[in-house]
Amino acid sequence: MILGQGTAADGMVRVTVSLDATADDIELDPRVMRMPSGVLAEHLRDAMRAARRQLFDRLAEDHETSGYDLEKHLDEMHTGYMRQMDGYRRIIDDINRRLGS
């Protein structure tokens, strides 16, 4: 399985991504929960981008992947990650609302 990994906030935000999303993971150091939700969202985005960039680089290096298959995988990943990012935003907004109560 080809994975991509990315970090942000001095390693306090760690993201792992896979082609089919079965191995996707987000690890947060508890200290990041004290950050404003917008700042945390930026760190999540940065780590996600780094992880996807590493995954794309690894796919490009894989000589068994044809150009067509790579394009198909990238389209699938894009759709999946747009849904995931929307979910992360909702989670962070919910946490922020709860902390504000």
PDB file of N, CA and C in Angstrom:
ATOM      1  N   MET A   1       0.852  -1.171   0.000  1.00  0.00           N
ATOM      2  CA  MET A   1       0.000   0.000   0.000  1.00  0.00           C
ATOM      3  C   MET A   1       0.899   1.236   0.000  1.00  0.00           C
ATOM      4  N   ILE A   2       0.595   2.162  -0.888  1.00  0.00           N
ATOM      5  CA  ILE A   2       1.360   3.391  -0.976  1.00  0.00           C
ATOM      6  C   ILE A   2       0.710   4.427  -0.056  1.00  0.00           C
ATOM      7  N   LEU A   3       1.528   5.011   0.820  1.00  0.00           N
ATOM      8  CA  LEU A   3       1.051   6.005   1.781  1.00  0.00           C
ATOM      9  C   LEU A   3       1.803   7.306   1.594  1.00  0.00           C
ATOM     10  N   GLY A   4       1.148   8.386   1.999  1.00  0.00           N
ATOM     11  CA  GLY A   4       1.803   9.676   2.090  1.00  0.00           C
ATOM     12  C   GLY A   4       1.628  10.184   3.503  1.00  0.00           C
ATOM     13  N   GLN A   5       2.663  10.825   4.026  1.00  0.00           N
ATOM     14  CA  GLN A   5       2.588  11.353   5.387  1.00  0.00           C
ATOM     15  C   GLN A   5       3.022  12.809   5.389  1.00  0.00           C
ATOM     16  N   GLY A   6       2.343  13.607   6.208  1.00  0.00           N
ATOM     17  CA  GLY A   6       2.678  15.022   6.322  1.00  0.00           C
ATOM     18  C   GLY A   6       2.498  15.485   7.750  1.00  0.00           C
ATOM     19  N   THR A   7       3.243  16.515   8.107  1.00  0.00           N
ATOM     20  CA  THR A   7       3.137  17.084   9.454  1.00  0.00           C
ATOM     21  C   THR A   7       3.012  18.593   9.357  1.00  0.00           C
ATOM     22  N   ALA A   8       2.555  19.186  10.447  1.00  0.00           N
ATOM     23  CA  ALA A   8       2.466  20.639  10.579  1.00  0.00           C
ATOM     24  C   ALA A   8       2.562  20.967  12.057  1.00  0.00           C
ATOM     25  N   ALA A   9       2.657  22.243  12.356  1.00  0.00           N
ATOM     26  CA  ALA A   9       2.721  22.720  13.745  1.00  0.00           C
ATOM     27  C   ALA A   9       3.827  22.008  14.513  1.00  0.00           C
ATOM     28  N   ASP A  10       5.023  22.013  13.929  1.00  0.00           N
ATOM     29  CA  ASP A  10       6.181  21.386  14.578  1.00  0.00           C
ATOM     30  C   ASP A  10       5.931  19.930  14.960  1.00  0.00           C
ATOM     31  N   GLY A  11       5.205  19.213  14.085  1.00  0.00           N
ATOM     32  CA  GLY A  11       4.957  17.795  14.306  1.00  0.00           C
ATOM     33  C   GLY A  11       3.769  17.491  15.205  1.00  0.00           C
ATOM     34  N   MET A  12       3.075  18.513  15.690  1.00  0.00           N
ATOM     35  CA  MET A  12       1.933  18.257  16.574  1.00  0.00           C
ATOM     36  C   MET A  12       0.694  17.815  15.797  1.00  0.00           C
ATOM     37  N   VAL A  13       0.679  18.063  14.487  1.00  0.00           N
ATOM     38  CA  VAL A  13      -0.396  17.598  13.609  1.00  0.00           C
ATOM     39  C   VAL A  13       0.245  16.659  12.596  1.00  0.00           C
ATOM     40  N   ARG A  14      -0.228  15.397  12.569  1.00  0.00           N
ATOM     41  CA  ARG A  14       0.328  14.389  11.672  1.00  0.00           C
ATOM     42  C   ARG A  14      -0.811  13.746  10.879  1.00  0.00           C
ATOM     43  N   VAL A  15      -0.622  13.675   9.572  1.00  0.00           N
ATOM     44  CA  VAL A  15      -1.649  13.122   8.687  1.00  0.00           C
ATOM     45  C   VAL A  15      -1.031  12.031   7.828  1.00  0.00           C
ATOM     46  N   THR A  16      -1.762  10.930   7.673  1.00  0.00           N
ATOM     47  CA  THR A  16      -1.393   9.851   6.765  1.00  0.00           C
ATOM     48  C   THR A  16      -2.534   9.674   5.778  1.00  0.00           C
ATOM     49  N   VAL A  17      -2.190   9.548   4.488  1.00  0.00           N
ATOM     50  CA  VAL A  17      -3.213   9.350   3.461  1.00  0.00           C
ATOM     51  C   VAL A  17      -2.839   8.140   2.607  1.00  0.00           C
ATOM     52  N   SER A  18      -3.873   7.494   2.061  1.00  0.00           N
ATOM     53  CA  SER A  18      -3.694   6.359   1.171  1.00  0.00           C
ATOM     54  C   SER A  18      -4.617   6.537  -0.027  1.00  0.00           C
ATOM     55  N   LEU A  19      -4.386   5.774  -1.067  1.00  0.00           N
ATOM     56  CA  LEU A  19      -5.204   5.919  -2.272  1.00  0.00           C
ATOM     57  C   LEU A  19      -6.673   5.645  -2.019  1.00  0.00           C
ATOM     58  N   ASP A  20      -6.964   4.592  -1.288  1.00  0.00           N
ATOM     59  CA  ASP A  20      -8.362   4.217  -1.091  1.00  0.00           C
ATOM     60  C   ASP A  20      -8.942   4.702   0.240  1.00  0.00           C
ATOM     61  N   ALA A  21      -8.184   5.498   0.964  1.00  0.00           N
ATOM     62  CA  ALA A  21      -8.607   6.106   2.232  1.00  0.00           C
ATOM     63  C   ALA A  21      -8.745   5.112   3.384  1.00  0.00           C
ATOM     64  N   THR A  22      -8.391   3.844   3.183  1.00  0.00           N
ATOM     65  CA  THR A  22      -8.537   2.877   4.262  1.00  0.00           C
ATOM     66  C   THR A  22      -7.481   3.041   5.340  1.00  0.00           C
ATOM     67  N   ALA A  23      -6.349   3.649   5.000  1.00  0.00           N
ATOM     68  CA  ALA A  23      -5.281   3.842   5.986  1.00  0.00           C
ATOM     69  C   ALA A  23      -5.131   5.310   6.381  1.00  0.00           C
ATOM     70  N   ASP A  24      -6.086   6.143   5.996  1.00  0.00           N
ATOM     71  CA  ASP A  24      -6.003   7.563   6.347  1.00  0.00           C
ATOM     72  C   ASP A  24      -6.081   7.733   7.858  1.00  0.00           C
ATOM     73  N   ASP A  25      -5.303   8.680   8.354  1.00  0.00           N
ATOM     74  CA  ASP A  25      -5.262   8.882   9.803  1.00  0.00           C
ATOM     75  C   ASP A  25      -4.853  10.324  10.094  1.00  0.00           C
ATOM     76  N   ILE A  26      -5.356  10.834  11.190  1.00  0.00           N
ATOM     77  CA  ILE A  26      -4.952  12.150  11.691  1.00  0.00           C
ATOM     78  C   ILE A  26      -4.601  11.975  13.157  1.00  0.00           C
ATOM     79  N   GLU A  27      -3.417  12.437  13.522  1.00  0.00           N
ATOM     80  CA  GLU A  27      -2.994  12.400  14.917  1.00  0.00           C
ATOM     81  C   GLU A  27      -2.755  13.838  15.371  1.00  0.00           C
ATOM     82  N   LEU A  28      -3.362  14.198  16.490  1.00  0.00           N
ATOM     83  CA  LEU A  28      -3.223  15.540  17.029  1.00  0.00           C
ATOM     84  C   LEU A  28      -2.630  15.482  18.427  1.00  0.00           C
ATOM     85  N   ASP A  29      -1.584  16.240  18.646  1.00  0.00           N
ATOM     86  CA  ASP A  29      -1.062  16.420  19.990  1.00  0.00           C
ATOM     87  C   ASP A  29      -2.148  17.189  20.763  1.00  0.00           C
ATOM     88  N   PRO A  30      -2.481  16.792  21.973  1.00  0.00           N
ATOM     89  CA  PRO A  30      -3.554  17.468  22.718  1.00  0.00           C
ATOM     90  C   PRO A  30      -3.355  18.981  22.840  1.00  0.00           C
ATOM     91  N   ARG A  31      -2.136  19.445  22.767  1.00  0.00           N
ATOM     92  CA  ARG A  31      -1.888  20.888  22.895  1.00  0.00           C
ATOM     93  C   ARG A  31      -2.500  21.704  21.756  1.00  0.00           C
ATOM     94  N   VAL A  32      -2.691  21.079  20.587  1.00  0.00           N
ATOM     95  CA  VAL A  32      -3.241  21.850  19.469  1.00  0.00           C
ATOM     96  C   VAL A  32      -4.711  22.202  19.688  1.00  0.00           C
ATOM     97  N   MET A  33      -5.367  21.516  20.610  1.00  0.00           N
ATOM     98  CA  MET A  33      -6.773  21.808  20.867  1.00  0.00           C
ATOM     99  C   MET A  33      -6.961  23.158  21.546  1.00  0.00           C
ATOM    100  N   ARG A  34      -5.879  23.752  22.014  1.00  0.00           N
ATOM    101  CA  ARG A  34      -5.948  25.099  22.603  1.00  0.00           C
ATOM    102  C   ARG A  34      -5.842  26.183  21.543  1.00  0.00           C
ATOM    103  N   MET A  35      -5.518  25.797  20.319  1.00  0.00           N
ATOM    104  CA  MET A  35      -5.384  26.763  19.232  1.00  0.00           C
ATOM    105  C   MET A  35      -6.760  27.225  18.767  1.00  0.00           C
ATOM    106  N   PRO A  36      -6.844  28.441  18.244  1.00  0.00           N
ATOM    107  CA  PRO A  36      -8.105  28.853  17.614  1.00  0.00           C
ATOM    108  C   PRO A  36      -8.449  27.895  16.470  1.00  0.00           C
ATOM    109  N   SER A  37      -9.735  27.680  16.241  1.00  0.00           N
ATOM    110  CA  SER A  37     -10.149  26.687  15.245  1.00  0.00           C
ATOM    111  C   SER A  37      -9.598  26.996  13.864  1.00  0.00           C
ATOM    112  N   GLY A  38      -9.511  28.248  13.494  1.00  0.00           N
ATOM    113  CA  GLY A  38      -8.975  28.611  12.188  1.00  0.00           C
ATOM    114  C   GLY A  38      -7.513  28.241  12.040  1.00  0.00           C
ATOM    115  N   VAL A  39      -6.744  28.417  13.104  1.00  0.00           N
ATOM    116  CA  VAL A  39      -5.319  28.078  13.082  1.00  0.00           C
ATOM    117  C   VAL A  39      -5.159  26.558  12.991  1.00  0.00           C
ATOM    118  N   LEU A  40      -5.930  25.832  13.769  1.00  0.00           N
ATOM    119  CA  LEU A  40      -5.876  24.374  13.715  1.00  0.00           C
ATOM    120  C   LEU A  40      -6.267  23.871  12.330  1.00  0.00           C
ATOM    121  N   ALA A  41      -7.286  24.478  11.738  1.00  0.00           N
ATOM    122  CA  ALA A  41      -7.707  24.085  10.389  1.00  0.00           C
ATOM    123  C   ALA A  41      -6.575  24.315   9.388  1.00  0.00           C
ATOM    124  N   GLU A  42      -5.847  25.413   9.527  1.00  0.00           N
ATOM    125  CA  GLU A  42      -4.713  25.683   8.637  1.00  0.00           C
ATOM    126  C   GLU A  42      -3.632  24.614   8.790  1.00  0.00           C
ATOM    127  N   HIS A  43      -3.356  24.230  10.027  1.00  0.00           N
ATOM    128  CA  HIS A  43      -2.347  23.188  10.258  1.00  0.00           C
ATOM    129  C   HIS A  43      -2.802  21.853   9.675  1.00  0.00           C
ATOM    130  N   LEU A  44      -4.082  21.528   9.837  1.00  0.00           N
ATOM    131  CA  LEU A  44      -4.612  20.293   9.249  1.00  0.00           C
ATOM    132  C   LEU A  44      -4.487  20.336   7.728  1.00  0.00           C
ATOM    133  N   ARG A  45      -4.828  21.475   7.149  1.00  0.00           N
ATOM    134  CA  ARG A  45      -4.725  21.618   5.698  1.00  0.00           C
ATOM    135  C   ARG A  45      -3.281  21.458   5.235  1.00  0.00           C
ATOM    136  N   ASP A  46      -2.347  22.104   5.946  1.00  0.00           N
ATOM    137  CA  ASP A  46      -0.938  22.025   5.566  1.00  0.00           C
ATOM    138  C   ASP A  46      -0.412  20.592   5.653  1.00  0.00           C
ATOM    139  N   ALA A  47      -0.764  19.896   6.727  1.00  0.00           N
ATOM    140  CA  ALA A  47      -0.314  18.506   6.880  1.00  0.00           C
ATOM    141  C   ALA A  47      -0.945  17.611   5.823  1.00  0.00           C
ATOM    142  N   MET A  48      -2.217  17.860   5.511  1.00  0.00           N
ATOM    143  CA  MET A  48      -2.908  17.083   4.482  1.00  0.00           C
ATOM    144  C   MET A  48      -2.254  17.316   3.126  1.00  0.00           C
ATOM    145  N   ARG A  49      -1.939  18.565   2.822  1.00  0.00           N
ATOM    146  CA  ARG A  49      -1.291  18.859   1.541  1.00  0.00           C
ATOM    147  C   ARG A  49       0.073  18.179   1.444  1.00  0.00           C
ATOM    148  N   ALA A  50       0.834  18.225   2.518  1.00  0.00           N
ATOM    149  CA  ALA A  50       2.154  17.581   2.517  1.00  0.00           C
ATOM    150  C   ALA A  50       2.015  16.069   2.325  1.00  0.00           C
ATOM    151  N   ALA A  51       1.026  15.472   2.980  1.00  0.00           N
ATOM    152  CA  ALA A  51       0.811  14.032   2.854  1.00  0.00           C
ATOM    153  C   ALA A  51       0.393  13.665   1.432  1.00  0.00           C
ATOM    154  N   ARG A  52      -0.503  14.438   0.856  1.00  0.00           N
ATOM    155  CA  ARG A  52      -0.923  14.166  -0.518  1.00  0.00           C
ATOM    156  C   ARG A  52       0.227  14.362  -1.492  1.00  0.00           C
ATOM    157  N   ARG A  53       1.038  15.400  -1.263  1.00  0.00           N
ATOM    158  CA  ARG A  53       2.189  15.646  -2.139  1.00  0.00           C
ATOM    159  C   ARG A  53       3.147  14.445  -2.106  1.00  0.00           C
ATOM    160  N   GLN A  54       3.391  13.916  -0.900  1.00  0.00           N
ATOM    161  CA  GLN A  54       4.264  12.748  -0.790  1.00  0.00           C
ATOM    162  C   GLN A  54       3.638  11.539  -1.480  1.00  0.00           C
ATOM    163  N   LEU A  55       2.336  11.360  -1.319  1.00  0.00           N
ATOM    164  CA  LEU A  55       1.654  10.246  -1.974  1.00  0.00           C
ATOM    165  C   LEU A  55       1.752  10.378  -3.489  1.00  0.00           C
ATOM    166  N   PHE A  56       1.517  11.577  -4.013  1.00  0.00           N
ATOM    167  CA  PHE A  56       1.611  11.797  -5.456  1.00  0.00           C
ATOM    168  C   PHE A  56       3.024  11.510  -5.950  1.00  0.00           C
ATOM    169  N   ASP A  57       4.024  11.958  -5.211  1.00  0.00           N
ATOM    170  CA  ASP A  57       5.417  11.704  -5.597  1.00  0.00           C
ATOM    171  C   ASP A  57       5.700  10.208  -5.646  1.00  0.00           C
ATOM    172  N   ARG A  58       5.186   9.492  -4.660  1.00  0.00           N
ATOM    173  CA  ARG A  58       5.405   8.048  -4.642  1.00  0.00           C
ATOM    174  C   ARG A  58       4.687   7.356  -5.784  1.00  0.00           C
ATOM    175  N   LEU A  59       3.496   7.836  -6.121  1.00  0.00           N
ATOM    176  CA  LEU A  59       2.774   7.262  -7.258  1.00  0.00           C
ATOM    177  C   LEU A  59       3.526   7.506  -8.559  1.00  0.00           C
ATOM    178  N   ALA A  60       4.055   8.706  -8.717  1.00  0.00           N
ATOM    179  CA  ALA A  60       4.796   9.038  -9.932  1.00  0.00           C
ATOM    180  C   ALA A  60       6.041   8.172 -10.077  1.00  0.00           C
ATOM    181  N   GLU A  61       6.628   7.785  -8.956  1.00  0.00           N
ATOM    182  CA  GLU A  61       7.820   6.944  -8.986  1.00  0.00           C
ATOM    183  C   GLU A  61       7.496   5.479  -9.271  1.00  0.00           C
ATOM    184  N   ASP A  62       6.256   5.107  -9.087  1.00  0.00           N
ATOM    185  CA  ASP A  62       5.858   3.712  -9.287  1.00  0.00           C
ATOM    186  C   ASP A  62       5.770   3.428 -10.787  1.00  0.00           C
ATOM    187  N   HIS A  63       6.697   2.658 -11.304  1.00  0.00           N
ATOM    188  CA  HIS A  63       6.782   2.416 -12.737  1.00  0.00           C
ATOM    189  C   HIS A  63       5.664   1.507 -13.251  1.00  0.00           C
ATOM    190  N   GLU A  64       4.936   0.870 -12.368  1.00  0.00           N
ATOM    191  CA  GLU A  64       3.867  -0.024 -12.808  1.00  0.00           C
ATOM    192  C   GLU A  64       2.548   0.710 -13.001  1.00  0.00           C
ATOM    193  N   THR A  65       2.481   1.960 -12.599  1.00  0.00           N
ATOM    194  CA  THR A  65       1.240   2.726 -12.712  1.00  0.00           C
ATOM    195  C   THR A  65       1.224   3.455 -14.045  1.00  0.00           C
ATOM    196  N   SER A  66       0.220   3.188 -14.849  1.00  0.00           N
ATOM    197  CA  SER A  66       0.109   3.873 -16.131  1.00  0.00           C
ATOM    198  C   SER A  66      -0.439   5.279 -15.901  1.00  0.00           C
ATOM    199  N   GLY A  67      -0.253   6.151 -16.877  1.00  0.00           N
ATOM    200  CA  GLY A  67      -0.771   7.517 -16.774  1.00  0.00           C
ATOM    201  C   GLY A  67      -2.270   7.543 -16.566  1.00  0.00           C
ATOM    202  N   TYR A  68      -2.991   6.659 -17.248  1.00  0.00           N
ATOM    203  CA  TYR A  68      -4.443   6.612 -17.098  1.00  0.00           C
ATOM    204  C   TYR A  68      -4.825   6.218 -15.676  1.00  0.00           C
ATOM    205  N   ASP A  69      -4.219   5.182 -15.159  1.00  0.00           N
ATOM    206  CA  ASP A  69      -4.538   4.736 -13.797  1.00  0.00           C
ATOM    207  C   ASP A  69      -4.218   5.827 -12.784  1.00  0.00           C
ATOM    208  N   LEU A  70      -3.112   6.510 -12.954  1.00  0.00           N
ATOM    209  CA  LEU A  70      -2.736   7.576 -12.030  1.00  0.00           C
ATOM    210  C   LEU A  70      -3.774   8.690 -12.058  1.00  0.00           C
ATOM    211  N   GLU A  71      -4.208   9.083 -13.246  1.00  0.00           N
ATOM    212  CA  GLU A  71      -5.219  10.144 -13.353  1.00  0.00           C
ATOM    213  C   GLU A  71      -6.529   9.710 -12.686  1.00  0.00           C
ATOM    214  N   LYS A  72      -6.923   8.473 -12.896  1.00  0.00           N
ATOM    215  CA  LYS A  72      -8.147   7.952 -12.276  1.00  0.00           C
ATOM    216  C   LYS A  72      -8.029   7.979 -10.753  1.00  0.00           C
ATOM    217  N   HIS A  73      -6.884   7.539 -10.232  1.00  0.00           N
ATOM    218  CA  HIS A  73      -6.669   7.540  -8.785  1.00  0.00           C
ATOM    219  C   HIS A  73      -6.691   8.965  -8.223  1.00  0.00           C
ATOM    220  N   LEU A  74      -6.094   9.883  -8.938  1.00  0.00           N
ATOM    221  CA  LEU A  74      -6.059  11.271  -8.466  1.00  0.00           C
ATOM    222  C   LEU A  74      -7.462  11.862  -8.416  1.00  0.00           C
ATOM    223  N   ASP A  75      -8.286  11.576  -9.406  1.00  0.00           N
ATOM    224  CA  ASP A  75      -9.670  12.056  -9.393  1.00  0.00           C
ATOM    225  C   ASP A  75     -10.436  11.481  -8.211  1.00  0.00           C
ATOM    226  N   GLU A  76     -10.248  10.183  -7.955  1.00  0.00           N
ATOM    227  CA  GLU A  76     -10.916   9.547  -6.818  1.00  0.00           C
ATOM    228  C   GLU A  76     -10.453  10.163  -5.502  1.00  0.00           C
ATOM    229  N   MET A  77      -9.158  10.398  -5.399  1.00  0.00           N
ATOM    230  CA  MET A  77      -8.614  10.989  -4.174  1.00  0.00           C
ATOM    231  C   MET A  77      -9.160  12.394  -3.960  1.00  0.00           C
ATOM    232  N   HIS A  78      -9.207  13.165  -5.020  1.00  0.00           N
ATOM    233  CA  HIS A  78      -9.687  14.543  -4.896  1.00  0.00           C
ATOM    234  C   HIS A  78     -11.117  14.569  -4.358  1.00  0.00           C
ATOM    235  N   THR A  79     -11.971  13.747  -4.919  1.00  0.00           N
ATOM    236  CA  THR A  79     -13.360  13.684  -4.472  1.00  0.00           C
ATOM    237  C   THR A  79     -13.439  13.262  -3.002  1.00  0.00           C
ATOM    238  N   GLY A  80     -12.687  12.240  -2.639  1.00  0.00           N
ATOM    239  CA  GLY A  80     -12.705  11.759  -1.257  1.00  0.00           C
ATOM    240  C   GLY A  80     -12.184  12.786  -0.276  1.00  0.00           C
ATOM    241  N   TYR A  81     -11.116  13.471  -0.635  1.00  0.00           N
ATOM    242  CA  TYR A  81     -10.530  14.436   0.292  1.00  0.00           C
ATOM    243  C   TYR A  81     -11.364  15.697   0.425  1.00  0.00           C
ATOM    244  N   MET A  82     -12.073  16.066  -0.603  1.00  0.00           N
ATOM    245  CA  MET A  82     -12.972  17.218  -0.470  1.00  0.00           C
ATOM    246  C   MET A  82     -14.063  16.893   0.558  1.00  0.00           C
ATOM    247  N   ARG A  83     -14.574  15.662   0.520  1.00  0.00           N
ATOM    248  CA  ARG A  83     -15.572  15.251   1.523  1.00  0.00           C
ATOM    249  C   ARG A  83     -14.950  15.228   2.918  1.00  0.00           C
ATOM    250  N   GLN A  84     -13.729  14.693   3.015  1.00  0.00           N
ATOM    251  CA  GLN A  84     -13.064  14.628   4.317  1.00  0.00           C
ATOM    252  C   GLN A  84     -12.800  16.015   4.884  1.00  0.00           C
ATOM    253  N   MET A  85     -12.334  16.927   4.068  1.00  0.00           N
ATOM    254  CA  MET A  85     -12.035  18.275   4.551  1.00  0.00           C
ATOM    255  C   MET A  85     -13.309  18.964   5.040  1.00  0.00           C
ATOM    256  N   ASP A  86     -14.419  18.742   4.349  1.00  0.00           N
ATOM    257  CA  ASP A  86     -15.692  19.289   4.822  1.00  0.00           C
ATOM    258  C   ASP A  86     -16.047  18.701   6.183  1.00  0.00           C
ATOM    259  N   GLY A  87     -15.815  17.406   6.353  1.00  0.00           N
ATOM    260  CA  GLY A  87     -16.078  16.764   7.641  1.00  0.00           C
ATOM    261  C   GLY A  87     -15.187  17.303   8.735  1.00  0.00           C
ATOM    262  N   TYR A  88     -13.905  17.512   8.440  1.00  0.00           N
ATOM    263  CA  TYR A  88     -12.978  18.065   9.437  1.00  0.00           C
ATOM    264  C   TYR A  88     -13.406  19.465   9.846  1.00  0.00           C
ATOM    265  N   ARG A  89     -13.830  20.263   8.884  1.00  0.00           N
ATOM    266  CA  ARG A  89     -14.269  21.632   9.186  1.00  0.00           C
ATOM    267  C   ARG A  89     -15.479  21.599  10.115  1.00  0.00           C
ATOM    268  N   ARG A  90     -16.415  20.696   9.841  1.00  0.00           N
ATOM    269  CA  ARG A  90     -17.600  20.590  10.708  1.00  0.00           C
ATOM    270  C   ARG A  90     -17.203  20.164  12.123  1.00  0.00           C
ATOM    271  N   ILE A  91     -16.273  19.230  12.238  1.00  0.00           N
ATOM    272  CA  ILE A  91     -15.817  18.780  13.554  1.00  0.00           C
ATOM    273  C   ILE A  91     -15.168  19.931  14.317  1.00  0.00           C
ATOM    274  N   ILE A  92     -14.299  20.654  13.643  1.00  0.00           N
ATOM    275  CA  ILE A  92     -13.618  21.784  14.299  1.00  0.00           C
ATOM    276  C   ILE A  92     -14.616  22.867  14.683  1.00  0.00           C
ATOM    277  N   ASP A  93     -15.563  23.158  13.809  1.00  0.00           N
ATOM    278  CA  ASP A  93     -16.590  24.153  14.149  1.00  0.00           C
ATOM    279  C   ASP A  93     -17.412  23.710  15.350  1.00  0.00           C
ATOM    280  N   ASP A  94     -17.742  22.417  15.412  1.00  0.00           N
ATOM    281  CA  ASP A  94     -18.498  21.886  16.547  1.00  0.00           C
ATOM    282  C   ASP A  94     -17.692  22.009  17.842  1.00  0.00           C
ATOM    283  N   ILE A  95     -16.410  21.681  17.796  1.00  0.00           N
ATOM    284  CA  ILE A  95     -15.539  21.817  18.976  1.00  0.00           C
ATOM    285  C   ILE A  95     -15.484  23.272  19.410  1.00  0.00           C
ATOM    286  N   ASN A  96     -15.339  24.155  18.461  1.00  0.00           N
ATOM    287  CA  ASN A  96     -15.263  25.582  18.770  1.00  0.00           C
ATOM    288  C   ASN A  96     -16.569  26.067  19.420  1.00  0.00           C
ATOM    289  N   ARG A  97     -17.706  25.617  18.904  1.00  0.00           N
ATOM    290  CA  ARG A  97     -19.005  25.994  19.505  1.00  0.00           C
ATOM    291  C   ARG A  97     -19.100  25.477  20.938  1.00  0.00           C
ATOM    292  N   ARG A  98     -18.670  24.238  21.149  1.00  0.00           N
ATOM    293  CA  ARG A  98     -18.743  23.655  22.497  1.00  0.00           C
ATOM    294  C   ARG A  98     -17.826  24.390  23.476  1.00  0.00           C
ATOM    295  N   LEU A  99     -16.653  24.763  23.005  1.00  0.00           N
ATOM    296  CA  LEU A  99     -15.723  25.502  23.877  1.00  0.00           C
ATOM    297  C   LEU A  99     -16.247  26.893  24.184  1.00  0.00           C
ATOM    298  N   GLY A 100     -17.013  27.466  23.258  1.00  0.00           N
ATOM    299  CA  GLY A 100     -17.564  28.806  23.461  1.00  0.00           C
ATOM    300  C   GLY A 100     -18.779  28.819  24.368  1.00  0.00           C
ATOM    301  N   SER A 101     -19.369  27.665  24.605  1.00  0.00           N
ATOM    302  CA  SER A 101     -20.585  27.591  25.454  1.00  0.00           C
ATOM    303  C   SER A 101     -20.270  27.718  26.917  1.00  0.00           C
TER     304      SER A 101
END
